[in-house]
Amino acid sequence: MALARVVSALAEPHVVYPALALAGIIGSRHGTRRQAAVPVLVAAGGAAVRRRLSQAIARPRPPAEAWLAEPEGFSMPSKHTTLAALTVGATAHALGVRDARAQAAVAVAAAGVGASRVCLGVHWPADVVTGWLFAVGWLHLTERDRRVR
């Protein structure tokens, strides 16, 4: 369970947002300063929409007796899974990686963090899948929007 806690902690906001800021700074070396904020904005926007979606769905978490971590909010879609996938996807885009490697990295991040949340007893597997699907959809939506401008 210690490994699950570590993997889960990698998708906490205090870890992801500095990583996204760094990716934006590195990725913008060949672009504008405005581009440095894009990974943070993509993830923060997705996280805000995920939160509203979670409140609308209002799915209860697994029984509290199963919890090995202290969750917050509703269960679906998984916040940690969503943030992990958004972080990896936005970072890959900022660094110019837009092929199958980026898609695979998003899937691996979501699967690893999602599995940790299920192991910690705070999510159902469907919460994790929904978080991953939401993140992939959000990344595609924002990528398209970034290409248009």
N, C-alpha and C. Protein backbone atom coordinates (compact mmCIF):
# COMPACT_ATOMS: atom_id res chain seq x y z
N MET A 1 0.80 -1.19 0.00
CA MET A 1 0.00 0.00 0.00
C MET A 1 0.85 1.27 0.00
N ALA A 2 2.09 1.16 0.45
CA ALA A 2 2.96 2.34 0.45
C ALA A 2 3.20 2.83 -0.98
N LEU A 3 3.38 1.90 -1.91
CA LEU A 3 3.58 2.27 -3.31
C LEU A 3 2.33 2.96 -3.85
N ALA A 4 1.16 2.45 -3.51
CA ALA A 4 -0.09 3.07 -3.97
C ALA A 4 -0.20 4.50 -3.45
N ARG A 5 0.21 4.72 -2.22
CA ARG A 5 0.16 6.08 -1.66
C ARG A 5 1.11 7.02 -2.41
N VAL A 6 2.30 6.54 -2.73
CA VAL A 6 3.28 7.35 -3.45
C VAL A 6 2.78 7.68 -4.85
N VAL A 7 2.29 6.68 -5.56
CA VAL A 7 1.79 6.89 -6.92
C VAL A 7 0.60 7.85 -6.89
N SER A 8 -0.29 7.66 -5.94
CA SER A 8 -1.45 8.53 -5.81
C SER A 8 -1.02 9.97 -5.53
N ALA A 9 -0.01 10.15 -4.70
CA ALA A 9 0.47 11.49 -4.34
C ALA A 9 1.06 12.23 -5.54
N LEU A 10 1.51 11.51 -6.54
CA LEU A 10 2.06 12.15 -7.74
C LEU A 10 1.01 12.95 -8.51
N ALA A 11 -0.26 12.67 -8.25
CA ALA A 11 -1.34 13.38 -8.93
C ALA A 11 -2.02 14.40 -8.02
N GLU A 12 -1.36 14.80 -6.96
CA GLU A 12 -1.89 15.86 -6.10
C GLU A 12 -1.60 17.22 -6.74
N PRO A 13 -2.51 18.18 -6.58
CA PRO A 13 -2.31 19.50 -7.20
C PRO A 13 -0.97 20.16 -6.87
N HIS A 14 -0.47 19.99 -5.64
CA HIS A 14 0.80 20.64 -5.29
C HIS A 14 2.00 20.01 -6.01
N VAL A 15 1.78 18.85 -6.64
CA VAL A 15 2.83 18.22 -7.45
C VAL A 15 2.62 18.55 -8.92
N VAL A 16 1.38 18.43 -9.40
CA VAL A 16 1.12 18.58 -10.83
C VAL A 16 1.28 20.01 -11.34
N TYR A 17 0.81 21.00 -10.61
CA TYR A 17 0.86 22.35 -11.15
C TYR A 17 2.28 22.89 -11.31
N PRO A 18 3.19 22.66 -10.37
CA PRO A 18 4.58 23.07 -10.64
C PRO A 18 5.19 22.31 -11.83
N ALA A 19 4.85 21.03 -11.96
CA ALA A 19 5.37 20.26 -13.11
C ALA A 19 4.83 20.83 -14.42
N LEU A 20 3.56 21.20 -14.43
CA LEU A 20 2.97 21.80 -15.63
C LEU A 20 3.60 23.15 -15.94
N ALA A 21 3.85 23.94 -14.91
CA ALA A 21 4.49 25.25 -15.12
C ALA A 21 5.88 25.07 -15.71
N LEU A 22 6.62 24.11 -15.19
CA LEU A 22 7.95 23.83 -15.73
C LEU A 22 7.88 23.37 -17.18
N ALA A 23 6.95 22.50 -17.50
CA ALA A 23 6.77 22.03 -18.88
C ALA A 23 6.43 23.20 -19.79
N GLY A 24 5.58 24.10 -19.32
CA GLY A 24 5.23 25.27 -20.13
C GLY A 24 6.42 26.16 -20.39
N ILE A 25 7.24 26.35 -19.37
CA ILE A 25 8.43 27.19 -19.53
C ILE A 25 9.40 26.56 -20.51
N ILE A 26 9.65 25.27 -20.35
CA ILE A 26 10.56 24.57 -21.26
C ILE A 26 10.00 24.56 -22.67
N GLY A 27 8.72 24.25 -22.80
CA GLY A 27 8.09 24.19 -24.11
C GLY A 27 7.98 25.51 -24.82
N SER A 28 7.94 26.60 -24.07
CA SER A 28 7.78 27.91 -24.69
C SER A 28 9.11 28.53 -25.13
N ARG A 29 10.19 27.85 -24.92
CA ARG A 29 11.50 28.40 -25.32
C ARG A 29 11.54 28.71 -26.80
N HIS A 30 10.72 28.01 -27.58
CA HIS A 30 10.68 28.24 -29.03
C HIS A 30 9.41 28.98 -29.43
N GLY A 31 8.66 29.46 -28.46
CA GLY A 31 7.41 30.16 -28.74
C GLY A 31 7.33 31.44 -27.95
N THR A 32 6.12 31.76 -27.54
CA THR A 32 5.90 33.00 -26.80
C THR A 32 5.80 32.72 -25.31
N ARG A 33 5.90 33.76 -24.52
CA ARG A 33 5.76 33.62 -23.07
C ARG A 33 4.35 33.19 -22.70
N ARG A 34 3.39 33.63 -23.50
CA ARG A 34 2.01 33.23 -23.24
C ARG A 34 1.85 31.72 -23.29
N GLN A 35 2.58 31.08 -24.16
CA GLN A 35 2.49 29.62 -24.30
C GLN A 35 2.93 28.90 -23.04
N ALA A 36 3.73 29.54 -22.21
CA ALA A 36 4.21 28.90 -20.99
C ALA A 36 3.07 28.58 -20.04
N ALA A 37 2.00 29.35 -20.09
CA ALA A 37 0.86 29.14 -19.18
C ALA A 37 -0.12 28.09 -19.70
N VAL A 38 0.00 27.70 -20.94
CA VAL A 38 -1.00 26.81 -21.55
C VAL A 38 -1.14 25.48 -20.82
N PRO A 39 -0.08 24.76 -20.48
CA PRO A 39 -0.29 23.48 -19.78
C PRO A 39 -1.04 23.63 -18.47
N VAL A 40 -0.73 24.66 -17.71
CA VAL A 40 -1.43 24.89 -16.43
C VAL A 40 -2.89 25.20 -16.70
N LEU A 41 -3.17 26.03 -17.69
CA LEU A 41 -4.55 26.40 -18.00
C LEU A 41 -5.36 25.21 -18.50
N VAL A 42 -4.75 24.37 -19.31
CA VAL A 42 -5.44 23.17 -19.81
C VAL A 42 -5.81 22.27 -18.64
N ALA A 43 -4.87 22.01 -17.76
CA ALA A 43 -5.14 21.13 -16.61
C ALA A 43 -6.10 21.77 -15.62
N ALA A 44 -5.91 23.04 -15.32
CA ALA A 44 -6.80 23.71 -14.36
C ALA A 44 -8.22 23.79 -14.90
N GLY A 45 -8.37 24.08 -16.18
CA GLY A 45 -9.70 24.11 -16.78
C GLY A 45 -10.36 22.74 -16.74
N GLY A 46 -9.60 21.72 -17.10
CA GLY A 46 -10.13 20.36 -17.04
C GLY A 46 -10.50 19.94 -15.63
N ALA A 47 -9.67 20.33 -14.66
CA ALA A 47 -9.95 19.98 -13.26
C ALA A 47 -11.22 20.67 -12.78
N ALA A 48 -11.43 21.91 -13.20
CA ALA A 48 -12.64 22.64 -12.79
C ALA A 48 -13.89 22.00 -13.39
N VAL A 49 -13.83 21.64 -14.65
CA VAL A 49 -14.98 20.99 -15.29
C VAL A 49 -15.21 19.62 -14.67
N ARG A 50 -14.14 18.88 -14.38
CA ARG A 50 -14.28 17.57 -13.74
C ARG A 50 -14.98 17.70 -12.39
N ARG A 51 -14.63 18.72 -11.65
CA ARG A 51 -15.25 18.92 -10.34
C ARG A 51 -16.76 19.15 -10.47
N ARG A 52 -17.15 19.98 -11.42
CA ARG A 52 -18.58 20.24 -11.64
C ARG A 52 -19.28 18.96 -12.09
N LEU A 53 -18.64 18.21 -12.95
CA LEU A 53 -19.21 16.95 -13.42
C LEU A 53 -19.38 15.98 -12.25
N SER A 54 -18.38 15.92 -11.39
CA SER A 54 -18.44 15.05 -10.21
C SER A 54 -19.60 15.44 -9.30
N GLN A 55 -19.80 16.73 -9.12
CA GLN A 55 -20.91 17.20 -8.29
C GLN A 55 -22.26 16.88 -8.93
N ALA A 56 -22.31 16.96 -10.24
CA ALA A 56 -23.57 16.65 -10.94
C ALA A 56 -23.89 15.15 -10.86
N ILE A 57 -22.87 14.31 -11.00
CA ILE A 57 -23.07 12.86 -10.93
C ILE A 57 -23.33 12.43 -9.48
N ALA A 58 -22.56 13.00 -8.55
CA ALA A 58 -22.71 12.74 -7.11
C ALA A 58 -22.66 11.26 -6.75
N ARG A 59 -21.75 10.53 -7.37
CA ARG A 59 -21.62 9.10 -7.08
C ARG A 59 -20.89 8.91 -5.75
N PRO A 60 -21.47 8.10 -4.85
CA PRO A 60 -20.80 7.84 -3.57
C PRO A 60 -19.52 7.03 -3.77
N ARG A 61 -18.62 7.17 -2.84
CA ARG A 61 -17.37 6.40 -2.85
C ARG A 61 -17.62 5.00 -2.32
N PRO A 62 -16.64 4.12 -2.46
CA PRO A 62 -16.75 2.80 -1.81
C PRO A 62 -16.92 2.98 -0.30
N PRO A 63 -17.32 1.94 0.39
CA PRO A 63 -17.53 2.05 1.84
C PRO A 63 -16.28 2.57 2.57
N ALA A 64 -16.49 3.42 3.55
CA ALA A 64 -15.39 4.04 4.30
C ALA A 64 -14.48 3.01 4.96
N GLU A 65 -15.01 1.83 5.28
CA GLU A 65 -14.19 0.79 5.90
C GLU A 65 -13.04 0.34 4.99
N ALA A 66 -13.21 0.54 3.67
CA ALA A 66 -12.19 0.12 2.71
C ALA A 66 -11.11 1.18 2.48
N TRP A 67 -11.33 2.40 2.96
CA TRP A 67 -10.41 3.49 2.67
C TRP A 67 -9.07 3.33 3.38
N LEU A 68 -8.01 3.45 2.59
CA LEU A 68 -6.65 3.49 3.13
C LEU A 68 -6.04 4.87 2.92
N ALA A 69 -6.87 5.79 2.46
CA ALA A 69 -6.50 7.19 2.27
C ALA A 69 -7.75 8.01 2.56
N GLU A 70 -7.58 9.27 2.79
CA GLU A 70 -8.73 10.13 3.10
C GLU A 70 -9.15 10.88 1.83
N PRO A 71 -10.25 10.47 1.21
CA PRO A 71 -10.69 11.13 -0.02
C PRO A 71 -11.50 12.39 0.27
N GLU A 72 -11.72 13.16 -0.77
CA GLU A 72 -12.60 14.32 -0.65
C GLU A 72 -13.55 14.33 -1.84
N GLY A 73 -14.74 14.80 -1.62
CA GLY A 73 -15.70 14.92 -2.70
C GLY A 73 -16.30 13.59 -3.13
N PHE A 74 -16.91 13.64 -4.28
CA PHE A 74 -17.57 12.46 -4.83
C PHE A 74 -16.58 11.58 -5.58
N SER A 75 -17.05 10.42 -5.99
CA SER A 75 -16.18 9.39 -6.52
C SER A 75 -15.92 9.48 -8.03
N MET A 76 -16.90 9.91 -8.81
CA MET A 76 -16.78 9.84 -10.27
C MET A 76 -16.90 11.22 -10.89
N PRO A 77 -15.99 11.52 -11.81
CA PRO A 77 -14.77 10.83 -12.22
C PRO A 77 -13.64 11.07 -11.22
N SER A 78 -12.70 10.15 -11.20
CA SER A 78 -11.57 10.22 -10.27
C SER A 78 -10.74 11.47 -10.51
N LYS A 79 -10.59 12.29 -9.47
CA LYS A 79 -9.79 13.52 -9.56
C LYS A 79 -8.32 13.20 -9.86
N HIS A 80 -7.78 12.24 -9.13
CA HIS A 80 -6.36 11.92 -9.30
C HIS A 80 -6.07 11.35 -10.69
N THR A 81 -6.94 10.46 -11.16
CA THR A 81 -6.75 9.90 -12.50
C THR A 81 -6.84 11.00 -13.55
N THR A 82 -7.83 11.86 -13.41
CA THR A 82 -8.01 12.95 -14.36
C THR A 82 -6.79 13.87 -14.36
N LEU A 83 -6.34 14.26 -13.17
CA LEU A 83 -5.18 15.16 -13.10
C LEU A 83 -3.91 14.52 -13.66
N ALA A 84 -3.73 13.24 -13.40
CA ALA A 84 -2.55 12.55 -13.93
C ALA A 84 -2.57 12.56 -15.46
N ALA A 85 -3.69 12.20 -16.04
CA ALA A 85 -3.80 12.15 -17.49
C ALA A 85 -3.69 13.55 -18.10
N LEU A 86 -4.34 14.54 -17.49
CA LEU A 86 -4.25 15.92 -17.99
C LEU A 86 -2.81 16.43 -17.92
N THR A 87 -2.13 16.13 -16.82
CA THR A 87 -0.75 16.60 -16.65
C THR A 87 0.17 16.01 -17.71
N VAL A 88 0.08 14.70 -17.90
CA VAL A 88 0.95 14.06 -18.88
C VAL A 88 0.61 14.54 -20.29
N GLY A 89 -0.67 14.63 -20.60
CA GLY A 89 -1.08 15.07 -21.94
C GLY A 89 -0.69 16.51 -22.22
N ALA A 90 -0.93 17.42 -21.28
CA ALA A 90 -0.57 18.82 -21.48
C ALA A 90 0.94 19.01 -21.52
N THR A 91 1.66 18.24 -20.72
CA THR A 91 3.13 18.31 -20.75
C THR A 91 3.66 17.82 -22.08
N ALA A 92 3.15 16.70 -22.56
CA ALA A 92 3.59 16.17 -23.85
C ALA A 92 3.34 17.19 -24.95
N HIS A 93 2.18 17.80 -24.94
CA HIS A 93 1.85 18.79 -25.96
C HIS A 93 2.80 19.99 -25.87
N ALA A 94 3.05 20.47 -24.66
CA ALA A 94 3.94 21.62 -24.48
C ALA A 94 5.36 21.32 -24.96
N LEU A 95 5.77 20.07 -24.82
CA LEU A 95 7.13 19.69 -25.23
C LEU A 95 7.19 19.23 -26.68
N GLY A 96 6.06 19.30 -27.38
CA GLY A 96 6.04 18.97 -28.80
C GLY A 96 5.86 17.51 -29.12
N VAL A 97 5.47 16.70 -28.16
CA VAL A 97 5.25 15.27 -28.39
C VAL A 97 3.75 15.08 -28.64
N ARG A 98 3.39 14.79 -29.88
CA ARG A 98 1.96 14.69 -30.22
C ARG A 98 1.66 13.43 -31.00
N ASP A 99 2.34 12.37 -30.70
CA ASP A 99 2.12 11.13 -31.43
C ASP A 99 1.65 10.02 -30.50
N ALA A 100 1.81 8.79 -30.93
CA ALA A 100 1.37 7.64 -30.14
C ALA A 100 2.08 7.56 -28.79
N ARG A 101 3.31 8.07 -28.71
CA ARG A 101 4.03 8.06 -27.43
C ARG A 101 3.29 8.89 -26.39
N ALA A 102 2.78 10.04 -26.80
CA ALA A 102 2.03 10.90 -25.87
C ALA A 102 0.75 10.22 -25.42
N GLN A 103 0.05 9.60 -26.35
CA GLN A 103 -1.19 8.90 -26.01
C GLN A 103 -0.92 7.74 -25.07
N ALA A 104 0.16 7.02 -25.31
CA ALA A 104 0.52 5.90 -24.43
C ALA A 104 0.89 6.41 -23.04
N ALA A 105 1.60 7.53 -22.98
CA ALA A 105 1.99 8.09 -21.67
C ALA A 105 0.76 8.52 -20.88
N VAL A 106 -0.24 9.09 -21.55
CA VAL A 106 -1.48 9.48 -20.88
C VAL A 106 -2.17 8.25 -20.32
N ALA A 107 -2.23 7.18 -21.12
CA ALA A 107 -2.89 5.95 -20.67
C ALA A 107 -2.15 5.32 -19.48
N VAL A 108 -0.82 5.30 -19.54
CA VAL A 108 -0.04 4.70 -18.45
C VAL A 108 -0.19 5.52 -17.16
N ALA A 109 -0.14 6.84 -17.27
CA ALA A 109 -0.31 7.69 -16.08
C ALA A 109 -1.68 7.48 -15.46
N ALA A 110 -2.71 7.49 -16.30
CA ALA A 110 -4.07 7.29 -15.80
C ALA A 110 -4.23 5.91 -15.18
N ALA A 111 -3.68 4.89 -15.83
CA ALA A 111 -3.80 3.53 -15.31
C ALA A 111 -3.06 3.37 -13.98
N GLY A 112 -1.86 3.90 -13.90
CA GLY A 112 -1.08 3.77 -12.67
C GLY A 112 -1.70 4.50 -11.50
N VAL A 113 -2.04 5.75 -11.71
CA VAL A 113 -2.66 6.53 -10.63
C VAL A 113 -4.04 5.97 -10.31
N GLY A 114 -4.81 5.64 -11.34
CA GLY A 114 -6.13 5.08 -11.12
C GLY A 114 -6.09 3.78 -10.34
N ALA A 115 -5.15 2.92 -10.68
CA ALA A 115 -5.01 1.65 -9.95
C ALA A 115 -4.66 1.91 -8.49
N SER A 116 -3.83 2.93 -8.26
CA SER A 116 -3.47 3.25 -6.87
C SER A 116 -4.70 3.69 -6.08
N ARG A 117 -5.59 4.44 -6.71
CA ARG A 117 -6.80 4.91 -6.03
C ARG A 117 -7.77 3.76 -5.73
N VAL A 118 -7.84 2.80 -6.64
CA VAL A 118 -8.67 1.61 -6.39
C VAL A 118 -8.05 0.79 -5.27
N CYS A 119 -6.73 0.61 -5.30
CA CYS A 119 -6.04 -0.14 -4.24
C CYS A 119 -6.21 0.51 -2.88
N LEU A 120 -6.27 1.83 -2.86
CA LEU A 120 -6.46 2.56 -1.60
C LEU A 120 -7.92 2.56 -1.15
N GLY A 121 -8.77 1.95 -1.95
CA GLY A 121 -10.17 1.77 -1.57
C GLY A 121 -11.05 3.00 -1.68
N VAL A 122 -10.59 4.05 -2.37
CA VAL A 122 -11.37 5.28 -2.44
C VAL A 122 -12.09 5.50 -3.76
N HIS A 123 -11.90 4.57 -4.70
CA HIS A 123 -12.58 4.67 -5.99
C HIS A 123 -13.01 3.30 -6.48
N TRP A 124 -14.07 3.31 -7.24
CA TRP A 124 -14.48 2.13 -8.00
C TRP A 124 -13.71 2.16 -9.31
N PRO A 125 -13.48 1.01 -9.95
CA PRO A 125 -12.78 1.02 -11.25
C PRO A 125 -13.45 1.92 -12.30
N ALA A 126 -14.78 1.98 -12.31
CA ALA A 126 -15.47 2.83 -13.29
C ALA A 126 -15.14 4.31 -13.09
N ASP A 127 -14.84 4.73 -11.86
CA ASP A 127 -14.46 6.12 -11.59
C ASP A 127 -13.16 6.45 -12.30
N VAL A 128 -12.25 5.49 -12.28
CA VAL A 128 -10.94 5.66 -12.90
C VAL A 128 -11.09 5.73 -14.43
N VAL A 129 -11.85 4.82 -14.99
CA VAL A 129 -12.07 4.81 -16.44
C VAL A 129 -12.73 6.12 -16.87
N THR A 130 -13.71 6.57 -16.11
CA THR A 130 -14.40 7.82 -16.44
C THR A 130 -13.44 9.01 -16.35
N GLY A 131 -12.56 9.03 -15.36
CA GLY A 131 -11.56 10.09 -15.25
C GLY A 131 -10.63 10.12 -16.43
N TRP A 132 -10.20 8.94 -16.86
CA TRP A 132 -9.30 8.85 -18.02
C TRP A 132 -10.03 9.30 -19.29
N LEU A 133 -11.25 8.83 -19.49
CA LEU A 133 -12.00 9.22 -20.69
C LEU A 133 -12.27 10.73 -20.70
N PHE A 134 -12.62 11.27 -19.55
CA PHE A 134 -12.84 12.72 -19.48
C PHE A 134 -11.56 13.46 -19.86
N ALA A 135 -10.43 13.06 -19.28
CA ALA A 135 -9.16 13.75 -19.56
C ALA A 135 -8.78 13.66 -21.02
N VAL A 136 -8.94 12.50 -21.62
CA VAL A 136 -8.61 12.34 -23.05
C VAL A 136 -9.50 13.26 -23.89
N GLY A 137 -10.79 13.30 -23.57
CA GLY A 137 -11.69 14.18 -24.29
C GLY A 137 -11.32 15.65 -24.13
N TRP A 138 -10.99 16.05 -22.89
CA TRP A 138 -10.60 17.42 -22.63
C TRP A 138 -9.31 17.78 -23.38
N LEU A 139 -8.34 16.87 -23.37
CA LEU A 139 -7.09 17.12 -24.08
C LEU A 139 -7.32 17.28 -25.58
N HIS A 140 -8.17 16.45 -26.15
CA HIS A 140 -8.47 16.57 -27.58
C HIS A 140 -9.19 17.88 -27.87
N LEU A 141 -10.13 18.24 -27.03
CA LEU A 141 -10.87 19.49 -27.20
C LEU A 141 -9.93 20.69 -27.13
N THR A 142 -9.07 20.72 -26.15
CA THR A 142 -8.18 21.87 -26.00
C THR A 142 -7.06 21.86 -27.03
N GLU A 143 -6.64 20.71 -27.48
CA GLU A 143 -5.62 20.65 -28.52
C GLU A 143 -6.17 21.23 -29.82
N ARG A 144 -7.39 20.86 -30.14
CA ARG A 144 -8.03 21.39 -31.35
C ARG A 144 -8.15 22.91 -31.25
N ASP A 145 -8.55 23.39 -30.07
CA ASP A 145 -8.70 24.82 -29.86
C ASP A 145 -7.35 25.53 -30.00
N ARG A 146 -6.29 24.93 -29.53
CA ARG A 146 -4.96 25.55 -29.62
C ARG A 146 -4.46 25.58 -31.06
N ARG A 147 -4.86 24.61 -31.88
CA ARG A 147 -4.44 24.61 -33.28
C ARG A 147 -5.17 25.68 -34.07
N VAL A 148 -6.42 25.95 -33.71
CA VAL A 148 -7.21 26.93 -34.43
C VAL A 148 -6.63 28.33 -34.27
N ARG A 149 -6.12 28.63 -33.11
CA ARG A 149 -5.61 29.98 -32.84
C ARG A 149 -4.27 30.16 -33.38
